[in-house]
Amino acid sequence: MAMKWIEALTGSLEQKKQYRQDKARIDGLAEPYGSAAKAMHRYLLNTSGIVDGDVIIRMLTDLADLWETAAVDGTPVHDIVGDDPADFADTFAKAYAAKEWQDKERARFVKALEDAKKEERS
């Protein structure tokens, strides 16, 4: 009972545990993969706009998998991200399309304009 109450306030404890595990995997990568993975992790969290915790965790787990595999295989960082790392990261995030924080504002904006149109007609 207490766990449900705590999770209602703080969010899923399982998600937090998985996040910490994935972050530790990224932090444990050899260079240059560690730096690249950390930079992409930070970029995705700040720019993806994804607000669904399950989707974020799935994306970050896949991110850790990607960079761990690259490190094991010795794949050059450039071969992974190409000439435009931001485009690569944006495309990576789009594969996890989910509800974004902008969706709420879009809906609010559209409703406001529809209400304005109704007032014009009145």
N, C-alpha and C. Protein backbone atom coordinates (compact mmCIF):
# COMPACT_ATOMS: atom_id res chain seq x y z
N MET A 1 0.82 -1.19 0.00
CA MET A 1 0.00 0.00 0.00
C MET A 1 0.86 1.26 0.00
N ALA A 2 1.88 1.26 0.85
CA ALA A 2 2.73 2.43 0.95
C ALA A 2 3.51 2.67 -0.35
N MET A 3 3.90 1.58 -1.03
CA MET A 3 4.64 1.72 -2.27
C MET A 3 3.82 2.45 -3.33
N LYS A 4 2.54 2.12 -3.43
CA LYS A 4 1.68 2.78 -4.42
C LYS A 4 1.55 4.26 -4.09
N TRP A 5 1.45 4.58 -2.83
CA TRP A 5 1.35 5.97 -2.41
C TRP A 5 2.64 6.72 -2.73
N ILE A 6 3.78 6.10 -2.44
CA ILE A 6 5.07 6.72 -2.72
C ILE A 6 5.25 6.92 -4.23
N GLU A 7 4.92 5.88 -5.02
CA GLU A 7 5.05 5.99 -6.46
C GLU A 7 4.10 7.03 -7.05
N ALA A 8 2.95 7.21 -6.42
CA ALA A 8 2.02 8.23 -6.90
C ALA A 8 2.65 9.62 -6.78
N LEU A 9 3.48 9.81 -5.78
CA LEU A 9 4.14 11.10 -5.56
C LEU A 9 5.43 11.26 -6.34
N THR A 10 6.21 10.18 -6.42
CA THR A 10 7.55 10.30 -6.99
C THR A 10 7.70 9.70 -8.37
N GLY A 11 6.74 8.92 -8.83
CA GLY A 11 6.88 8.22 -10.10
C GLY A 11 7.33 6.80 -9.85
N SER A 12 7.41 6.04 -10.91
CA SER A 12 7.72 4.62 -10.82
C SER A 12 9.12 4.37 -10.27
N LEU A 13 9.20 3.60 -9.20
CA LEU A 13 10.49 3.25 -8.64
C LEU A 13 11.24 2.30 -9.57
N GLU A 14 10.51 1.46 -10.28
CA GLU A 14 11.12 0.55 -11.25
C GLU A 14 11.78 1.34 -12.38
N GLN A 15 11.11 2.40 -12.84
CA GLN A 15 11.70 3.24 -13.88
C GLN A 15 12.98 3.91 -13.39
N LYS A 16 12.96 4.38 -12.16
CA LYS A 16 14.16 5.02 -11.59
C LYS A 16 15.31 4.02 -11.50
N LYS A 17 15.00 2.79 -11.09
CA LYS A 17 16.02 1.75 -11.00
C LYS A 17 16.60 1.46 -12.39
N GLN A 18 15.74 1.31 -13.39
CA GLN A 18 16.20 1.03 -14.74
C GLN A 18 17.03 2.19 -15.29
N TYR A 19 16.60 3.42 -15.00
CA TYR A 19 17.35 4.60 -15.44
C TYR A 19 18.76 4.57 -14.86
N ARG A 20 18.86 4.30 -13.57
CA ARG A 20 20.18 4.26 -12.92
C ARG A 20 21.05 3.16 -13.52
N GLN A 21 20.46 2.02 -13.83
CA GLN A 21 21.23 0.93 -14.44
C GLN A 21 21.74 1.32 -15.82
N ASP A 22 20.88 1.92 -16.62
CA ASP A 22 21.29 2.34 -17.97
C ASP A 22 22.34 3.44 -17.90
N LYS A 23 22.17 4.37 -16.97
CA LYS A 23 23.15 5.45 -16.81
C LYS A 23 24.50 4.88 -16.38
N ALA A 24 24.50 3.89 -15.51
CA ALA A 24 25.75 3.25 -15.08
C ALA A 24 26.41 2.53 -16.26
N ARG A 25 25.63 1.92 -17.13
CA ARG A 25 26.18 1.26 -18.32
C ARG A 25 26.88 2.29 -19.20
N ILE A 26 26.24 3.44 -19.39
CA ILE A 26 26.82 4.50 -20.21
C ILE A 26 28.08 5.05 -19.55
N ASP A 27 28.01 5.27 -18.24
CA ASP A 27 29.17 5.81 -17.51
C ASP A 27 30.35 4.85 -17.54
N GLY A 28 30.09 3.56 -17.72
CA GLY A 28 31.15 2.55 -17.72
C GLY A 28 31.79 2.31 -19.08
N LEU A 29 31.34 2.99 -20.10
CA LEU A 29 31.88 2.77 -21.43
C LEU A 29 33.30 3.35 -21.56
N ALA A 30 34.11 2.66 -22.36
CA ALA A 30 35.46 3.15 -22.66
C ALA A 30 35.34 4.36 -23.59
N GLU A 31 36.37 5.18 -23.58
CA GLU A 31 36.40 6.34 -24.47
C GLU A 31 36.77 5.91 -25.88
N PRO A 32 36.27 6.53 -26.90
CA PRO A 32 35.45 7.74 -26.95
C PRO A 32 33.96 7.46 -26.84
N TYR A 33 33.59 6.20 -26.67
CA TYR A 33 32.17 5.84 -26.65
C TYR A 33 31.44 6.42 -25.44
N GLY A 34 32.11 6.48 -24.31
CA GLY A 34 31.51 7.04 -23.10
C GLY A 34 31.12 8.50 -23.29
N SER A 35 32.05 9.28 -23.83
CA SER A 35 31.77 10.71 -24.06
C SER A 35 30.64 10.90 -25.05
N ALA A 36 30.67 10.11 -26.13
CA ALA A 36 29.63 10.22 -27.16
C ALA A 36 28.27 9.83 -26.59
N ALA A 37 28.23 8.74 -25.84
CA ALA A 37 26.97 8.26 -25.27
C ALA A 37 26.42 9.25 -24.25
N LYS A 38 27.28 9.81 -23.42
CA LYS A 38 26.84 10.79 -22.42
C LYS A 38 26.29 12.05 -23.10
N ALA A 39 26.96 12.48 -24.14
CA ALA A 39 26.50 13.67 -24.86
C ALA A 39 25.15 13.41 -25.51
N MET A 40 24.98 12.23 -26.11
CA MET A 40 23.71 11.90 -26.75
C MET A 40 22.61 11.73 -25.71
N HIS A 41 22.93 11.14 -24.58
CA HIS A 41 21.98 10.97 -23.48
C HIS A 41 21.46 12.33 -23.03
N ARG A 42 22.37 13.25 -22.79
CA ARG A 42 22.00 14.61 -22.36
C ARG A 42 21.15 15.30 -23.43
N TYR A 43 21.56 15.18 -24.69
CA TYR A 43 20.84 15.81 -25.80
C TYR A 43 19.41 15.26 -25.88
N LEU A 44 19.27 13.94 -25.81
CA LEU A 44 17.94 13.33 -25.92
C LEU A 44 17.02 13.76 -24.78
N LEU A 45 17.55 13.79 -23.57
CA LEU A 45 16.71 14.18 -22.43
C LEU A 45 16.28 15.64 -22.54
N ASN A 46 17.13 16.48 -23.12
CA ASN A 46 16.81 17.90 -23.21
C ASN A 46 16.02 18.30 -24.44
N THR A 47 16.05 17.49 -25.49
CA THR A 47 15.42 17.92 -26.74
C THR A 47 14.32 17.01 -27.27
N SER A 48 14.23 15.78 -26.79
CA SER A 48 13.27 14.85 -27.39
C SER A 48 11.82 15.25 -27.12
N GLY A 49 11.57 15.91 -26.00
CA GLY A 49 10.22 16.32 -25.66
C GLY A 49 9.34 15.19 -25.16
N ILE A 50 9.88 13.99 -25.04
CA ILE A 50 9.10 12.84 -24.60
C ILE A 50 8.85 12.95 -23.10
N VAL A 51 7.60 12.75 -22.70
CA VAL A 51 7.23 12.86 -21.29
C VAL A 51 6.78 11.53 -20.69
N ASP A 52 6.56 10.53 -21.49
CA ASP A 52 6.13 9.22 -21.00
C ASP A 52 7.35 8.47 -20.46
N GLY A 53 7.33 8.19 -19.16
CA GLY A 53 8.47 7.56 -18.50
C GLY A 53 8.86 6.22 -19.10
N ASP A 54 7.87 5.39 -19.45
CA ASP A 54 8.16 4.09 -20.05
C ASP A 54 8.90 4.25 -21.37
N VAL A 55 8.49 5.22 -22.16
CA VAL A 55 9.11 5.45 -23.46
C VAL A 55 10.54 5.97 -23.27
N ILE A 56 10.72 6.88 -22.35
CA ILE A 56 12.05 7.41 -22.09
C ILE A 56 13.00 6.29 -21.66
N ILE A 57 12.54 5.44 -20.76
CA ILE A 57 13.38 4.35 -20.27
C ILE A 57 13.72 3.41 -21.42
N ARG A 58 12.75 3.07 -22.25
CA ARG A 58 13.02 2.19 -23.39
C ARG A 58 14.06 2.82 -24.33
N MET A 59 13.93 4.13 -24.58
CA MET A 59 14.86 4.83 -25.45
C MET A 59 16.27 4.83 -24.86
N LEU A 60 16.38 5.10 -23.56
CA LEU A 60 17.70 5.17 -22.93
C LEU A 60 18.35 3.79 -22.80
N THR A 61 17.53 2.75 -22.63
CA THR A 61 18.07 1.39 -22.61
C THR A 61 18.64 1.06 -23.98
N ASP A 62 17.91 1.41 -25.03
CA ASP A 62 18.39 1.16 -26.39
C ASP A 62 19.64 1.99 -26.69
N LEU A 63 19.71 3.19 -26.13
CA LEU A 63 20.89 4.03 -26.30
C LEU A 63 22.12 3.35 -25.69
N ALA A 64 21.95 2.84 -24.47
CA ALA A 64 23.06 2.13 -23.82
C ALA A 64 23.45 0.89 -24.63
N ASP A 65 22.47 0.16 -25.14
CA ASP A 65 22.75 -1.01 -25.99
C ASP A 65 23.56 -0.61 -27.22
N LEU A 66 23.14 0.47 -27.88
CA LEU A 66 23.81 0.95 -29.08
C LEU A 66 25.28 1.21 -28.84
N TRP A 67 25.58 1.98 -27.78
CA TRP A 67 26.96 2.37 -27.54
C TRP A 67 27.79 1.24 -26.96
N GLU A 68 27.18 0.34 -26.20
CA GLU A 68 27.92 -0.83 -25.72
C GLU A 68 28.32 -1.72 -26.90
N THR A 69 27.39 -1.93 -27.81
CA THR A 69 27.68 -2.75 -28.99
C THR A 69 28.77 -2.11 -29.84
N ALA A 70 28.69 -0.80 -30.02
CA ALA A 70 29.71 -0.09 -30.80
C ALA A 70 31.09 -0.23 -30.15
N ALA A 71 31.13 -0.13 -28.82
CA ALA A 71 32.40 -0.25 -28.11
C ALA A 71 32.99 -1.65 -28.26
N VAL A 72 32.14 -2.66 -28.13
CA VAL A 72 32.60 -4.05 -28.26
C VAL A 72 33.10 -4.32 -29.68
N ASP A 73 32.36 -3.82 -30.67
CA ASP A 73 32.72 -4.06 -32.08
C ASP A 73 33.84 -3.16 -32.56
N GLY A 74 34.11 -2.08 -31.82
CA GLY A 74 35.13 -1.12 -32.24
C GLY A 74 34.69 -0.25 -33.40
N THR A 75 33.38 -0.05 -33.51
CA THR A 75 32.82 0.78 -34.58
C THR A 75 33.18 2.25 -34.31
N PRO A 76 33.76 2.93 -35.28
CA PRO A 76 34.09 4.35 -35.07
C PRO A 76 32.82 5.18 -34.78
N VAL A 77 32.95 6.14 -33.90
CA VAL A 77 31.82 6.99 -33.52
C VAL A 77 31.20 7.64 -34.76
N HIS A 78 32.03 8.12 -35.67
CA HIS A 78 31.52 8.78 -36.88
C HIS A 78 30.65 7.83 -37.70
N ASP A 79 31.02 6.55 -37.73
CA ASP A 79 30.22 5.58 -38.48
C ASP A 79 28.83 5.41 -37.88
N ILE A 80 28.68 5.70 -36.62
CA ILE A 80 27.37 5.58 -35.95
C ILE A 80 26.55 6.84 -36.19
N VAL A 81 27.12 8.00 -35.89
CA VAL A 81 26.33 9.24 -35.92
C VAL A 81 26.40 9.98 -37.24
N GLY A 82 27.37 9.68 -38.07
CA GLY A 82 27.48 10.34 -39.37
C GLY A 82 27.99 11.77 -39.25
N ASP A 83 27.74 12.54 -40.31
CA ASP A 83 28.22 13.92 -40.37
C ASP A 83 27.39 14.90 -39.55
N ASP A 84 26.17 14.52 -39.22
CA ASP A 84 25.27 15.41 -38.46
C ASP A 84 24.75 14.67 -37.22
N PRO A 85 25.52 14.72 -36.13
CA PRO A 85 25.12 13.99 -34.92
C PRO A 85 23.75 14.41 -34.37
N ALA A 86 23.40 15.68 -34.49
CA ALA A 86 22.10 16.14 -33.99
C ALA A 86 20.97 15.50 -34.80
N ASP A 87 21.15 15.42 -36.10
CA ASP A 87 20.14 14.78 -36.94
C ASP A 87 20.01 13.30 -36.58
N PHE A 88 21.15 12.65 -36.33
CA PHE A 88 21.12 11.24 -35.93
C PHE A 88 20.33 11.08 -34.63
N ALA A 89 20.61 11.92 -33.64
CA ALA A 89 19.93 11.84 -32.35
C ALA A 89 18.44 12.16 -32.49
N ASP A 90 18.11 13.15 -33.30
CA ASP A 90 16.69 13.49 -33.51
C ASP A 90 15.95 12.34 -34.17
N THR A 91 16.58 11.71 -35.15
CA THR A 91 15.96 10.57 -35.82
C THR A 91 15.82 9.40 -34.86
N PHE A 92 16.84 9.19 -34.03
CA PHE A 92 16.80 8.15 -33.00
C PHE A 92 15.59 8.37 -32.09
N ALA A 93 15.39 9.60 -31.64
CA ALA A 93 14.28 9.92 -30.74
C ALA A 93 12.93 9.74 -31.42
N LYS A 94 12.85 10.05 -32.71
CA LYS A 94 11.57 9.93 -33.43
C LYS A 94 11.09 8.49 -33.49
N ALA A 95 12.01 7.54 -33.38
CA ALA A 95 11.63 6.13 -33.37
C ALA A 95 10.82 5.79 -32.12
N TYR A 96 10.86 6.67 -31.15
CA TYR A 96 10.14 6.46 -29.89
C TYR A 96 9.00 7.45 -29.76
N ALA A 97 8.38 7.76 -30.87
CA ALA A 97 7.29 8.74 -30.89
C ALA A 97 6.30 8.43 -29.78
N ALA A 98 6.04 9.43 -29.00
CA ALA A 98 5.13 9.29 -27.87
C ALA A 98 4.54 10.66 -27.59
N LYS A 99 3.74 10.73 -26.57
CA LYS A 99 3.17 12.00 -26.16
C LYS A 99 4.31 12.92 -25.72
N GLU A 100 4.31 14.13 -26.25
CA GLU A 100 5.33 15.11 -25.93
C GLU A 100 4.71 16.27 -25.18
N TRP A 101 5.52 17.00 -24.43
CA TRP A 101 5.00 18.14 -23.66
C TRP A 101 4.39 19.18 -24.58
N GLN A 102 4.88 19.29 -25.83
CA GLN A 102 4.36 20.28 -26.76
C GLN A 102 2.92 19.97 -27.16
N ASP A 103 2.53 18.69 -27.08
CA ASP A 103 1.18 18.30 -27.48
C ASP A 103 0.12 19.06 -26.67
N LYS A 104 0.35 19.21 -25.38
CA LYS A 104 -0.60 19.93 -24.52
C LYS A 104 -0.73 21.39 -24.96
N GLU A 105 0.39 22.01 -25.27
CA GLU A 105 0.36 23.41 -25.69
C GLU A 105 -0.27 23.56 -27.07
N ARG A 106 0.00 22.61 -27.97
CA ARG A 106 -0.64 22.65 -29.29
C ARG A 106 -2.16 22.61 -29.14
N ALA A 107 -2.63 21.68 -28.32
CA ALA A 107 -4.07 21.52 -28.11
C ALA A 107 -4.67 22.80 -27.51
N ARG A 108 -3.99 23.40 -26.56
CA ARG A 108 -4.46 24.63 -25.93
C ARG A 108 -4.52 25.76 -26.95
N PHE A 109 -3.49 25.85 -27.79
CA PHE A 109 -3.42 26.88 -28.83
C PHE A 109 -4.55 26.72 -29.84
N VAL A 110 -4.75 25.51 -30.32
CA VAL A 110 -5.80 25.24 -31.30
C VAL A 110 -7.17 25.56 -30.71
N LYS A 111 -7.40 25.18 -29.45
CA LYS A 111 -8.69 25.47 -28.80
C LYS A 111 -8.90 26.97 -28.68
N ALA A 112 -7.87 27.70 -28.31
CA ALA A 112 -7.99 29.16 -28.17
C ALA A 112 -8.36 29.81 -29.50
N LEU A 113 -7.75 29.35 -30.58
CA LEU A 113 -8.08 29.91 -31.89
C LEU A 113 -9.49 29.52 -32.33
N GLU A 114 -9.91 28.32 -32.03
CA GLU A 114 -11.28 27.91 -32.36
C GLU A 114 -12.28 28.74 -31.58
N ASP A 115 -11.99 28.98 -30.30
CA ASP A 115 -12.87 29.83 -29.49
C ASP A 115 -12.92 31.26 -30.04
N ALA A 116 -11.79 31.76 -30.49
CA ALA A 116 -11.74 33.11 -31.07
C ALA A 116 -12.59 33.19 -32.34
N LYS A 117 -12.52 32.14 -33.15
CA LYS A 117 -13.32 32.10 -34.39
C LYS A 117 -14.82 32.10 -34.05
N LYS A 118 -15.19 31.36 -33.01
CA LYS A 118 -16.61 31.30 -32.60
C LYS A 118 -17.08 32.67 -32.14
N GLU A 119 -16.23 33.40 -31.44
CA GLU A 119 -16.60 34.73 -30.96
C GLU A 119 -16.75 35.70 -32.14
N GLU A 120 -15.93 35.54 -33.16
CA GLU A 120 -16.02 36.39 -34.34
C GLU A 120 -17.38 36.21 -35.02
N ARG A 121 -17.83 34.99 -35.06
CA ARG A 121 -19.09 34.68 -35.74
C ARG A 121 -20.30 35.16 -34.94
N SER A 122 -20.13 35.32 -33.65
CA SER A 122 -21.27 35.70 -32.80
C SER A 122 -21.64 37.15 -32.95
